[in-house]
């Protein structure tokens, strides 16, 4: 859990015994309760998207600046 703060979020992790870590661990336990172990769950991972049908426009959205 603390690795997510340090690496994924590029921040400082709360103390191991902090209320924040305890709450996040309890939440992740609750979210996974009843989920099968060793099975890839539907919707997990990255969504594969088709490339856009048009080229990128770096000036799109410039109005209103």
C-alpha atoms as a PDB file:
ATOM      1  CA  UNK A   1       0.000   0.000   0.000  1.00  0.00           C
ATOM      2  CA  UNK A   2       2.771   2.428   0.878  1.00  0.00           C
ATOM      3  CA  UNK A   3       4.551   1.676  -2.396  1.00  0.00           C
ATOM      4  CA  UNK A   4       1.592   3.174  -4.256  1.00  0.00           C
ATOM      5  CA  UNK A   5       2.158   6.497  -2.515  1.00  0.00           C
ATOM      6  CA  UNK A   6       5.903   6.470  -3.143  1.00  0.00           C
ATOM      7  CA  UNK A   7       6.040   5.220  -6.703  1.00  0.00           C
ATOM      8  CA  UNK A   8       2.679   5.541  -8.453  1.00  0.00           C
ATOM      9  CA  UNK A   9       1.754   8.840  -6.834  1.00  0.00           C
ATOM     10  CA  UNK A  10       5.351  10.082  -6.474  1.00  0.00           C
ATOM     11  CA  UNK A  11       4.681  11.215  -2.929  1.00  0.00           C
ATOM     12  CA  UNK A  12       5.384  10.448   0.700  1.00  0.00           C
ATOM     13  CA  UNK A  13       3.730   7.403   2.206  1.00  0.00           C
ATOM     14  CA  UNK A  14       1.820   7.687   5.476  1.00  0.00           C
ATOM     15  CA  UNK A  15       3.262   5.802   8.450  1.00  0.00           C
ATOM     16  CA  UNK A  16       2.627   2.045   8.485  1.00  0.00           C
ATOM     17  CA  UNK A  17       0.474   2.341  11.606  1.00  0.00           C
ATOM     18  CA  UNK A  18      -1.372   5.493  10.502  1.00  0.00           C
ATOM     19  CA  UNK A  19      -5.143   5.793  10.376  1.00  0.00           C
ATOM     20  CA  UNK A  20      -4.891   6.463   6.622  1.00  0.00           C
ATOM     21  CA  UNK A  21      -3.105   3.178   5.892  1.00  0.00           C
ATOM     22  CA  UNK A  22      -5.461   1.243   8.175  1.00  0.00           C
ATOM     23  CA  UNK A  23      -8.469   2.774   6.407  1.00  0.00           C
ATOM     24  CA  UNK A  24      -7.104   2.034   2.922  1.00  0.00           C
ATOM     25  CA  UNK A  25      -6.264  -1.552   3.867  1.00  0.00           C
ATOM     26  CA  UNK A  26      -9.718  -2.063   5.365  1.00  0.00           C
ATOM     27  CA  UNK A  27     -11.326  -0.603   2.233  1.00  0.00           C
ATOM     28  CA  UNK A  28      -9.294  -2.790  -0.136  1.00  0.00           C
ATOM     29  CA  UNK A  29     -10.135  -5.848   1.980  1.00  0.00           C
ATOM     30  CA  UNK A  30     -13.834  -4.947   1.863  1.00  0.00           C
ATOM     31  CA  UNK A  31     -13.715  -4.364  -1.918  1.00  0.00           C
ATOM     32  CA  UNK A  32     -12.105  -7.749  -2.562  1.00  0.00           C
ATOM     33  CA  UNK A  33     -14.233  -9.726  -0.116  1.00  0.00           C
ATOM     34  CA  UNK A  34     -15.889 -12.594  -1.959  1.00  0.00           C
ATOM     35  CA  UNK A  35     -13.807 -12.124  -5.116  1.00  0.00           C
ATOM     36  CA  UNK A  36     -12.314 -15.345  -6.485  1.00  0.00           C
ATOM     37  CA  UNK A  37      -8.564 -15.788  -5.948  1.00  0.00           C
ATOM     38  CA  UNK A  38      -6.334 -16.405  -8.972  1.00  0.00           C
ATOM     39  CA  UNK A  39      -9.005 -15.423 -11.501  1.00  0.00           C
ATOM     40  CA  UNK A  40      -8.821 -12.384 -13.782  1.00  0.00           C
ATOM     41  CA  UNK A  41     -11.927 -10.360 -13.027  1.00  0.00           C
ATOM     42  CA  UNK A  42     -14.001  -8.828 -15.781  1.00  0.00           C
ATOM     43  CA  UNK A  43     -13.125  -5.173 -16.308  1.00  0.00           C
ATOM     44  CA  UNK A  44      -9.676  -5.447 -14.707  1.00  0.00           C
ATOM     45  CA  UNK A  45      -6.702  -3.907 -16.473  1.00  0.00           C
ATOM     46  CA  UNK A  46      -6.418  -1.399 -19.255  1.00  0.00           C
ATOM     47  CA  UNK A  47      -9.142  -0.895 -21.845  1.00  0.00           C
ATOM     48  CA  UNK A  48      -7.957  -1.461 -25.413  1.00  0.00           C
ATOM     49  CA  UNK A  49      -9.143   1.358 -27.648  1.00  0.00           C
ATOM     50  CA  UNK A  50      -9.017   1.689 -31.413  1.00  0.00           C
ATOM     51  CA  UNK A  51      -6.869   4.545 -32.722  1.00  0.00           C
ATOM     52  CA  UNK A  52      -8.862   7.712 -33.492  1.00  0.00           C
ATOM     53  CA  UNK A  53     -10.222   8.006 -37.022  1.00  0.00           C
ATOM     54  CA  UNK A  54      -8.727  11.490 -37.437  1.00  0.00           C
ATOM     55  CA  UNK A  55      -5.324  12.998 -36.816  1.00  0.00           C
ATOM     56  CA  UNK A  56      -4.594  15.025 -33.709  1.00  0.00           C
ATOM     57  CA  UNK A  57      -5.272  18.773 -33.803  1.00  0.00           C
ATOM     58  CA  UNK A  58      -2.972  20.617 -31.378  1.00  0.00           C
ATOM     59  CA  UNK A  59      -5.079  23.787 -31.747  1.00  0.00           C
ATOM     60  CA  UNK A  60      -8.429  22.161 -30.970  1.00  0.00           C
ATOM     61  CA  UNK A  61      -9.818  23.737 -27.830  1.00  0.00           C
ATOM     62  CA  UNK A  62      -7.710  26.864 -28.167  1.00  0.00           C
ATOM     63  CA  UNK A  63     -10.798  29.083 -28.304  1.00  0.00           C
ATOM     64  CA  UNK A  64     -11.623  30.724 -25.022  1.00  0.00           C
ATOM     65  CA  UNK A  65      -8.036  31.033 -23.807  1.00  0.00           C
END
